[in-house]
PDB file of all heavy atoms in Angstrom:
ATOM      1  N   ILE A   1     -10.971 -19.928  36.273  1.00  0.00           N
ATOM      2  CA  ILE A   1     -12.177 -19.118  36.431  1.00  0.00           C
ATOM      3  C   ILE A   1     -11.894 -17.775  35.778  1.00  0.00           C
ATOM      4  O   ILE A   1     -10.963 -17.082  36.179  1.00  0.00           O
ATOM      5  CB  ILE A   1     -12.498 -18.919  37.929  1.00  0.00           C
ATOM      6  CG1 ILE A   1     -12.633 -20.264  38.630  1.00  0.00           C
ATOM      7  CG2 ILE A   1     -13.745 -18.066  38.102  1.00  0.00           C
ATOM      8  CD1 ILE A   1     -12.551 -20.172  40.136  1.00  0.00           C
ATOM      9  N   PRO A   2     -12.676 -17.377  34.737  1.00  0.00           N
ATOM     10  CA  PRO A   2     -12.397 -16.094  34.085  1.00  0.00           C
ATOM     11  C   PRO A   2     -12.719 -14.915  35.000  1.00  0.00           C
ATOM     12  O   PRO A   2     -13.673 -14.957  35.767  1.00  0.00           O
ATOM     13  CB  PRO A   2     -13.298 -16.098  32.855  1.00  0.00           C
ATOM     14  CG  PRO A   2     -14.285 -17.184  33.065  1.00  0.00           C
ATOM     15  CD  PRO A   2     -13.751 -18.104  34.113  1.00  0.00           C
ATOM     16  N   ASN A   3     -11.900 -13.869  34.931  1.00  0.00           N
ATOM     17  CA  ASN A   3     -12.124 -12.637  35.690  1.00  0.00           C
ATOM     18  C   ASN A   3     -12.837 -11.641  34.808  1.00  0.00           C
ATOM     19  O   ASN A   3     -12.707 -11.659  33.593  1.00  0.00           O
ATOM     20  CB  ASN A   3     -10.795 -12.018  36.130  1.00  0.00           C
ATOM     21  CG  ASN A   3     -10.105 -12.827  37.186  1.00  0.00           C
ATOM     22  OD1 ASN A   3     -10.702 -13.693  37.804  1.00  0.00           O
ATOM     23  ND2 ASN A   3      -8.830 -12.553  37.379  1.00  0.00           N
ATOM     24  N   LYS A   4     -13.534 -10.705  35.451  1.00  0.00           N
ATOM     25  CA  LYS A   4     -14.096  -9.587  34.711  1.00  0.00           C
ATOM     26  C   LYS A   4     -12.978  -8.571  34.570  1.00  0.00           C
ATOM     27  O   LYS A   4     -12.614  -7.900  35.517  1.00  0.00           O
ATOM     28  CB  LYS A   4     -15.280  -9.004  35.457  1.00  0.00           C
ATOM     29  CG  LYS A   4     -16.454  -9.936  35.476  1.00  0.00           C
ATOM     30  CD  LYS A   4     -17.644  -9.277  36.121  1.00  0.00           C
ATOM     31  CE  LYS A   4     -18.828 -10.175  35.917  1.00  0.00           C
ATOM     32  NZ  LYS A   4     -19.447 -10.633  37.100  1.00  0.00           N
ATOM     33  N   LYS A   5     -12.423  -8.488  33.378  1.00  0.00           N
ATOM     34  CA  LYS A   5     -11.255  -7.629  33.169  1.00  0.00           C
ATOM     35  C   LYS A   5     -11.683  -6.184  32.934  1.00  0.00           C
ATOM     36  O   LYS A   5     -12.575  -5.904  32.165  1.00  0.00           O
ATOM     37  CB  LYS A   5     -10.453  -8.126  31.972  1.00  0.00           C
ATOM     38  CG  LYS A   5      -9.198  -7.324  31.769  1.00  0.00           C
ATOM     39  CD  LYS A   5      -8.333  -7.931  30.721  1.00  0.00           C
ATOM     40  CE  LYS A   5      -7.281  -6.938  30.353  1.00  0.00           C
ATOM     41  NZ  LYS A   5      -5.983  -7.286  30.524  1.00  0.00           N
ATOM     42  N   ILE A   6     -11.006  -5.288  33.606  1.00  0.00           N
ATOM     43  CA  ILE A   6     -11.202  -3.860  33.399  1.00  0.00           C
ATOM     44  C   ILE A   6     -10.053  -3.388  32.530  1.00  0.00           C
ATOM     45  O   ILE A   6      -8.892  -3.618  32.845  1.00  0.00           O
ATOM     46  CB  ILE A   6     -11.225  -3.110  34.747  1.00  0.00           C
ATOM     47  CG1 ILE A   6     -12.387  -3.619  35.587  1.00  0.00           C
ATOM     48  CG2 ILE A   6     -11.291  -1.621  34.526  1.00  0.00           C
ATOM     49  CD1 ILE A   6     -12.336  -3.166  37.022  1.00  0.00           C
ATOM     50  N   GLU A   7     -10.356  -2.775  31.418  1.00  0.00           N
ATOM     51  CA  GLU A   7      -9.336  -2.312  30.489  1.00  0.00           C
ATOM     52  C   GLU A   7      -8.455  -1.270  31.153  1.00  0.00           C
ATOM     53  O   GLU A   7      -8.940  -0.276  31.656  1.00  0.00           O
ATOM     54  CB  GLU A   7     -10.025  -1.676  29.300  1.00  0.00           C
ATOM     55  CG  GLU A   7      -9.782  -2.195  27.895  1.00  0.00           C
ATOM     56  CD  GLU A   7      -8.808  -3.295  27.652  1.00  0.00           C
ATOM     57  OE1 GLU A   7      -9.195  -4.445  27.663  1.00  0.00           O
ATOM     58  OE2 GLU A   7      -7.629  -2.990  27.409  1.00  0.00           O
ATOM     59  N   ASP A   8      -7.174  -1.516  31.149  1.00  0.00           N
ATOM     60  CA  ASP A   8      -6.210  -0.596  31.728  1.00  0.00           C
ATOM     61  C   ASP A   8      -5.421   0.045  30.590  1.00  0.00           C
ATOM     62  O   ASP A   8      -4.705  -0.643  29.867  1.00  0.00           O
ATOM     63  CB  ASP A   8      -5.273  -1.363  32.668  1.00  0.00           C
ATOM     64  CG  ASP A   8      -4.315  -0.450  33.394  1.00  0.00           C
ATOM     65  OD1 ASP A   8      -4.464   0.787  33.282  1.00  0.00           O
ATOM     66  OD2 ASP A   8      -3.416  -0.959  34.071  1.00  0.00           O
ATOM     67  N   PRO A   9      -5.540   1.354  30.380  1.00  0.00           N
ATOM     68  CA  PRO A   9      -4.860   1.981  29.253  1.00  0.00           C
ATOM     69  C   PRO A   9      -3.343   1.996  29.392  1.00  0.00           C
ATOM     70  O   PRO A   9      -2.642   2.236  28.422  1.00  0.00           O
ATOM     71  CB  PRO A   9      -5.412   3.409  29.248  1.00  0.00           C
ATOM     72  CG  PRO A   9      -5.890   3.652  30.633  1.00  0.00           C
ATOM     73  CD  PRO A   9      -6.313   2.314  31.169  1.00  0.00           C
ATOM     74  N   VAL A  10      -2.821   1.709  30.577  1.00  0.00           N
ATOM     75  CA  VAL A  10      -1.383   1.760  30.781  1.00  0.00           C
ATOM     76  C   VAL A  10      -0.752   0.371  30.737  1.00  0.00           C
ATOM     77  O   VAL A  10       0.451   0.232  30.728  1.00  0.00           O
ATOM     78  CB  VAL A  10      -1.066   2.437  32.136  1.00  0.00           C
ATOM     79  CG1 VAL A  10       0.407   2.742  32.270  1.00  0.00           C
ATOM     80  CG2 VAL A  10      -1.861   3.705  32.301  1.00  0.00           C
ATOM     81  N   ALA A  11      -1.570  -0.670  30.704  1.00  0.00           N
ATOM     82  CA  ALA A  11      -1.036  -2.034  30.708  1.00  0.00           C
ATOM     83  C   ALA A  11      -0.192  -2.283  29.470  1.00  0.00           C
ATOM     84  O   ALA A  11      -0.301  -1.580  28.471  1.00  0.00           O
ATOM     85  CB  ALA A  11      -2.178  -3.041  30.774  1.00  0.00           C
ATOM     86  N   GLY A  12       0.646  -3.299  29.524  1.00  0.00           N
ATOM     87  CA  GLY A  12       1.573  -3.586  28.432  1.00  0.00           C
ATOM     88  C   GLY A  12       0.894  -4.162  27.222  1.00  0.00           C
ATOM     89  O   GLY A  12       0.851  -5.365  27.036  1.00  0.00           O
ATOM     90  N   LYS A  13       0.363  -3.344  26.396  1.00  0.00           N
ATOM     91  CA  LYS A  13      -0.334  -3.777  25.192  1.00  0.00           C
ATOM     92  C   LYS A  13       0.620  -3.754  24.006  1.00  0.00           C
ATOM     93  O   LYS A  13       1.474  -2.886  23.891  1.00  0.00           O
ATOM     94  CB  LYS A  13      -1.523  -2.855  24.877  1.00  0.00           C
ATOM     95  CG  LYS A  13      -2.539  -2.779  25.976  1.00  0.00           C
ATOM     96  CD  LYS A  13      -3.411  -3.996  25.980  1.00  0.00           C
ATOM     97  CE  LYS A  13      -4.504  -3.854  27.006  1.00  0.00           C
ATOM     98  NZ  LYS A  13      -4.660  -4.964  27.852  1.00  0.00           N
ATOM     99  N   VAL A  14       0.446  -4.713  23.117  1.00  0.00           N
ATOM    100  CA  VAL A  14       1.203  -4.737  21.888  1.00  0.00           C
ATOM    101  C   VAL A  14       0.269  -4.249  20.788  1.00  0.00           C
ATOM    102  O   VAL A  14      -0.783  -4.830  20.563  1.00  0.00           O
ATOM    103  CB  VAL A  14       1.703  -6.165  21.574  1.00  0.00           C
ATOM    104  CG1 VAL A  14       2.417  -6.200  20.254  1.00  0.00           C
ATOM    105  CG2 VAL A  14       2.609  -6.647  22.690  1.00  0.00           C
ATOM    106  N   ASN A  15       0.627  -3.175  20.115  1.00  0.00           N
ATOM    107  CA  ASN A  15      -0.213  -2.598  19.069  1.00  0.00           C
ATOM    108  C   ASN A  15       0.465  -2.761  17.714  1.00  0.00           C
ATOM    109  O   ASN A  15       1.165  -1.874  17.238  1.00  0.00           O
ATOM    110  CB  ASN A  15      -0.478  -1.107  19.346  1.00  0.00           C
ATOM    111  CG  ASN A  15      -1.263  -0.906  20.615  1.00  0.00           C
ATOM    112  OD1 ASN A  15      -2.202  -1.657  20.877  1.00  0.00           O
ATOM    113  ND2 ASN A  15      -0.889   0.086  21.405  1.00  0.00           N
ATOM    114  N   THR A  16       0.273  -3.911  17.115  1.00  0.00           N
ATOM    115  CA  THR A  16       0.788  -4.129  15.770  1.00  0.00           C
ATOM    116  C   THR A  16      -0.382  -4.441  14.857  1.00  0.00           C
ATOM    117  O   THR A  16      -1.429  -4.911  15.304  1.00  0.00           O
ATOM    118  CB  THR A  16       1.799  -5.287  15.732  1.00  0.00           C
ATOM    119  OG1 THR A  16       1.136  -6.472  16.151  1.00  0.00           O
ATOM    120  CG2 THR A  16       2.986  -5.020  16.629  1.00  0.00           C
ATOM    121  N   SER A  17      -0.214  -4.208  13.576  1.00  0.00           N
ATOM    122  CA  SER A  17      -1.315  -4.410  12.634  1.00  0.00           C
ATOM    123  C   SER A  17      -1.733  -5.873  12.554  1.00  0.00           C
ATOM    124  O   SER A  17      -2.884  -6.183  12.309  1.00  0.00           O
ATOM    125  CB  SER A  17      -0.932  -3.890  11.257  1.00  0.00           C
ATOM    126  OG  SER A  17       0.186  -4.603  10.775  1.00  0.00           O
ATOM    127  N   SER A  18      -0.808  -6.807  12.773  1.00  0.00           N
ATOM    128  CA  SER A  18      -1.162  -8.226  12.698  1.00  0.00           C
ATOM    129  C   SER A  18      -2.063  -8.648  13.843  1.00  0.00           C
ATOM    130  O   SER A  18      -2.767  -9.639  13.748  1.00  0.00           O
ATOM    131  CB  SER A  18       0.103  -9.085  12.681  1.00  0.00           C
ATOM    132  OG  SER A  18       0.823  -8.905  13.878  1.00  0.00           O
ATOM    133  N   LEU A  19      -2.050  -7.896  14.946  1.00  0.00           N
ATOM    134  CA  LEU A  19      -2.874  -8.247  16.096  1.00  0.00           C
ATOM    135  C   LEU A  19      -4.114  -7.373  16.219  1.00  0.00           C
ATOM    136  O   LEU A  19      -4.916  -7.564  17.115  1.00  0.00           O
ATOM    137  CB  LEU A  19      -2.057  -8.119  17.381  1.00  0.00           C
ATOM    138  CG  LEU A  19      -0.851  -9.031  17.489  1.00  0.00           C
ATOM    139  CD1 LEU A  19      -0.064  -8.698  18.737  1.00  0.00           C
ATOM    140  CD2 LEU A  19      -1.264 -10.479  17.496  1.00  0.00           C
ATOM    141  N   ALA A  20      -4.295  -6.435  15.296  1.00  0.00           N
ATOM    142  CA  ALA A  20      -5.382  -5.469  15.415  1.00  0.00           C
ATOM    143  C   ALA A  20      -6.758  -6.105  15.274  1.00  0.00           C
ATOM    144  O   ALA A  20      -7.718  -5.639  15.859  1.00  0.00           O
ATOM    145  CB  ALA A  20      -5.215  -4.368  14.381  1.00  0.00           C
ATOM    146  N   THR A  21      -6.871  -7.191  14.523  1.00  0.00           N
ATOM    147  CA  THR A  21      -8.185  -7.785  14.279  1.00  0.00           C
ATOM    148  C   THR A  21      -8.427  -9.069  15.051  1.00  0.00           C
ATOM    149  O   THR A  21      -9.477  -9.675  14.908  1.00  0.00           O
ATOM    150  CB  THR A  21      -8.354  -8.084  12.782  1.00  0.00           C
ATOM    151  OG1 THR A  21      -7.331  -8.991  12.382  1.00  0.00           O
ATOM    152  CG2 THR A  21      -8.292  -6.817  11.956  1.00  0.00           C
ATOM    153  N   THR A  22      -7.487  -9.520  15.855  1.00  0.00           N
ATOM    154  CA  THR A  22      -7.672 -10.783  16.578  1.00  0.00           C
ATOM    155  C   THR A  22      -8.667 -10.613  17.712  1.00  0.00           C
ATOM    156  O   THR A  22      -8.709  -9.599  18.378  1.00  0.00           O
ATOM    157  CB  THR A  22      -6.346 -11.312  17.154  1.00  0.00           C
ATOM    158  OG1 THR A  22      -5.833 -10.350  18.053  1.00  0.00           O
ATOM    159  CG2 THR A  22      -5.345 -11.611  16.058  1.00  0.00           C
ATOM    160  N   ARG A  23      -9.457 -11.648  17.930  1.00  0.00           N
ATOM    161  CA  ARG A  23     -10.446 -11.644  18.997  1.00  0.00           C
ATOM    162  C   ARG A  23      -9.970 -12.460  20.199  1.00  0.00           C
ATOM    163  O   ARG A  23     -10.584 -12.458  21.235  1.00  0.00           O
ATOM    164  CB  ARG A  23     -11.764 -12.230  18.496  1.00  0.00           C
ATOM    165  CG  ARG A  23     -12.385 -11.427  17.392  1.00  0.00           C
ATOM    166  CD  ARG A  23     -13.473 -10.553  17.972  1.00  0.00           C
ATOM    167  NE  ARG A  23     -14.226  -9.912  16.922  1.00  0.00           N
ATOM    168  CZ  ARG A  23     -14.264  -8.620  16.747  1.00  0.00           C
ATOM    169  NH1 ARG A  23     -13.590  -7.822  17.512  1.00  0.00           N
ATOM    170  NH2 ARG A  23     -14.984  -8.103  15.783  1.00  0.00           N
ATOM    171  N   GLN A  24      -8.883 -13.184  20.027  1.00  0.00           N
ATOM    172  CA  GLN A  24      -8.426 -14.048  21.112  1.00  0.00           C
ATOM    173  C   GLN A  24      -7.809 -13.235  22.244  1.00  0.00           C
ATOM    174  O   GLN A  24      -7.422 -12.094  22.074  1.00  0.00           O
ATOM    175  CB  GLN A  24      -7.420 -15.063  20.591  1.00  0.00           C
ATOM    176  CG  GLN A  24      -6.099 -14.429  20.178  1.00  0.00           C
ATOM    177  CD  GLN A  24      -5.137 -15.442  19.629  1.00  0.00           C
ATOM    178  OE1 GLN A  24      -5.504 -16.563  19.391  1.00  0.00           O
ATOM    179  NE2 GLN A  24      -3.912 -15.039  19.438  1.00  0.00           N
ATOM    180  N   ASN A  25      -7.743 -13.886  23.394  1.00  0.00           N
ATOM    181  CA  ASN A  25      -7.155 -13.257  24.566  1.00  0.00           C
ATOM    182  C   ASN A  25      -5.643 -13.174  24.368  1.00  0.00           C
ATOM    183  O   ASN A  25      -4.991 -14.171  24.118  1.00  0.00           O
ATOM    184  CB  ASN A  25      -7.491 -14.085  25.806  1.00  0.00           C
ATOM    185  CG  ASN A  25      -7.084 -13.392  27.071  1.00  0.00           C
ATOM    186  OD1 ASN A  25      -6.585 -12.269  27.046  1.00  0.00           O
ATOM    187  ND2 ASN A  25      -7.298 -14.042  28.176  1.00  0.00           N
ATOM    188  N   LEU A  26      -5.073 -11.985  24.474  1.00  0.00           N
ATOM    189  CA  LEU A  26      -3.657 -11.798  24.208  1.00  0.00           C
ATOM    190  C   LEU A  26      -2.792 -11.990  25.448  1.00  0.00           C
ATOM    191  O   LEU A  26      -1.581 -11.893  25.360  1.00  0.00           O
ATOM    192  CB  LEU A  26      -3.420 -10.413  23.609  1.00  0.00           C
ATOM    193  CG  LEU A  26      -4.112 -10.155  22.271  1.00  0.00           C
ATOM    194  CD1 LEU A  26      -3.831  -8.744  21.799  1.00  0.00           C
ATOM    195  CD2 LEU A  26      -3.686 -11.160  21.231  1.00  0.00           C
ATOM    196  N   SER A  27      -3.411 -12.223  26.584  1.00  0.00           N
ATOM    197  CA  SER A  27      -2.632 -12.514  27.786  1.00  0.00           C
ATOM    198  C   SER A  27      -3.237 -13.742  28.455  1.00  0.00           C
ATOM    199  O   SER A  27      -4.368 -13.705  28.917  1.00  0.00           O
ATOM    200  CB  SER A  27      -2.634 -11.326  28.739  1.00  0.00           C
ATOM    201  OG  SER A  27      -3.950 -10.976  29.084  1.00  0.00           O
ATOM    202  N   ALA A  28      -2.487 -14.827  28.431  1.00  0.00           N
ATOM    203  CA  ALA A  28      -2.967 -16.079  29.009  1.00  0.00           C
ATOM    204  C   ALA A  28      -1.787 -16.851  29.598  1.00  0.00           C
ATOM    205  O   ALA A  28      -0.646 -16.694  29.164  1.00  0.00           O
ATOM    206  CB  ALA A  28      -3.662 -16.920  27.950  1.00  0.00           C
ATOM    207  N   PHE A  29      -2.079 -17.675  30.579  1.00  0.00           N
ATOM    208  CA  PHE A  29      -1.061 -18.486  31.239  1.00  0.00           C
ATOM    209  C   PHE A  29      -1.433 -19.956  31.163  1.00  0.00           C
ATOM    210  O   PHE A  29      -2.612 -20.304  31.155  1.00  0.00           O
ATOM    211  CB  PHE A  29      -0.934 -18.095  32.715  1.00  0.00           C
ATOM    212  CG  PHE A  29      -0.260 -16.774  32.949  1.00  0.00           C
ATOM    213  CD1 PHE A  29      -0.991 -15.640  33.225  1.00  0.00           C
ATOM    214  CD2 PHE A  29       1.115 -16.672  32.911  1.00  0.00           C
ATOM    215  CE1 PHE A  29      -0.383 -14.430  33.457  1.00  0.00           C
ATOM    216  CE2 PHE A  29       1.744 -15.469  33.134  1.00  0.00           C
ATOM    217  CZ  PHE A  29       0.998 -14.342  33.413  1.00  0.00           C
ATOM    218  N   HIS A  30      -0.413 -20.814  31.137  1.00  0.00           N
ATOM    219  CA  HIS A  30      -0.582 -22.258  31.250  1.00  0.00           C
ATOM    220  C   HIS A  30       0.290 -22.750  32.388  1.00  0.00           C
ATOM    221  O   HIS A  30       1.405 -22.253  32.586  1.00  0.00           O
ATOM    222  CB  HIS A  30      -0.169 -22.980  29.968  1.00  0.00           C
ATOM    223  CG  HIS A  30      -1.160 -22.854  28.863  1.00  0.00           C
ATOM    224  ND1 HIS A  30      -2.416 -23.408  28.912  1.00  0.00           N
ATOM    225  CD2 HIS A  30      -1.074 -22.224  27.665  1.00  0.00           C
ATOM    226  CE1 HIS A  30      -3.062 -23.134  27.793  1.00  0.00           C
ATOM    227  NE2 HIS A  30      -2.268 -22.402  27.030  1.00  0.00           N
ATOM    228  N   LEU A  31      -0.206 -23.751  33.124  1.00  0.00           N
ATOM    229  CA  LEU A  31       0.561 -24.380  34.186  1.00  0.00           C
ATOM    230  C   LEU A  31       1.150 -25.686  33.674  1.00  0.00           C
ATOM    231  O   LEU A  31       0.437 -26.506  33.095  1.00  0.00           O
ATOM    232  CB  LEU A  31      -0.330 -24.665  35.396  1.00  0.00           C
ATOM    233  CG  LEU A  31      -0.776 -23.444  36.180  1.00  0.00           C
ATOM    234  CD1 LEU A  31      -1.891 -23.809  37.146  1.00  0.00           C
ATOM    235  CD2 LEU A  31       0.393 -22.864  36.936  1.00  0.00           C
ATOM    236  N   ILE A  32       2.441 -25.880  33.867  1.00  0.00           N
ATOM    237  CA  ILE A  32       3.108 -27.111  33.452  1.00  0.00           C
ATOM    238  C   ILE A  32       3.822 -27.693  34.664  1.00  0.00           C
ATOM    239  O   ILE A  32       4.766 -27.071  35.149  1.00  0.00           O
ATOM    240  CB  ILE A  32       4.132 -26.837  32.327  1.00  0.00           C
ATOM    241  CG1 ILE A  32       3.430 -26.142  31.152  1.00  0.00           C
ATOM    242  CG2 ILE A  32       4.787 -28.127  31.881  1.00  0.00           C
ATOM    243  CD1 ILE A  32       4.382 -25.583  30.132  1.00  0.00           C
ATOM    244  N   PRO A  33       3.433 -28.812  35.203  1.00  0.00           N
ATOM    245  CA  PRO A  33       2.263 -29.641  34.917  1.00  0.00           C
ATOM    246  C   PRO A  33       0.992 -28.999  35.484  1.00  0.00           C
ATOM    247  O   PRO A  33       1.070 -28.146  36.367  1.00  0.00           O
ATOM    248  CB  PRO A  33       2.573 -30.954  35.641  1.00  0.00           C
ATOM    249  CG  PRO A  33       3.424 -30.549  36.785  1.00  0.00           C
ATOM    250  CD  PRO A  33       4.234 -29.371  36.293  1.00  0.00           C
ATOM    251  N   PRO A  34      -0.192 -29.415  34.999  1.00  0.00           N
ATOM    252  CA  PRO A  34      -1.435 -28.793  35.445  1.00  0.00           C
ATOM    253  C   PRO A  34      -1.873 -29.190  36.848  1.00  0.00           C
ATOM    254  O   PRO A  34      -2.806 -28.609  37.394  1.00  0.00           O
ATOM    255  CB  PRO A  34      -2.458 -29.261  34.408  1.00  0.00           C
ATOM    256  CG  PRO A  34      -1.882 -30.496  33.833  1.00  0.00           C
ATOM    257  CD  PRO A  34      -0.397 -30.363  33.908  1.00  0.00           C
TER     258      PRO A  34
END
């Protein structure tokens, strides 16, 4: 279930030029096994 994320300016963000234009979610988890 997606959460309504509030942007946190102190969270661990990676600021590199290769990731500057991506639209995908940069923090995601997978369960193994589901």
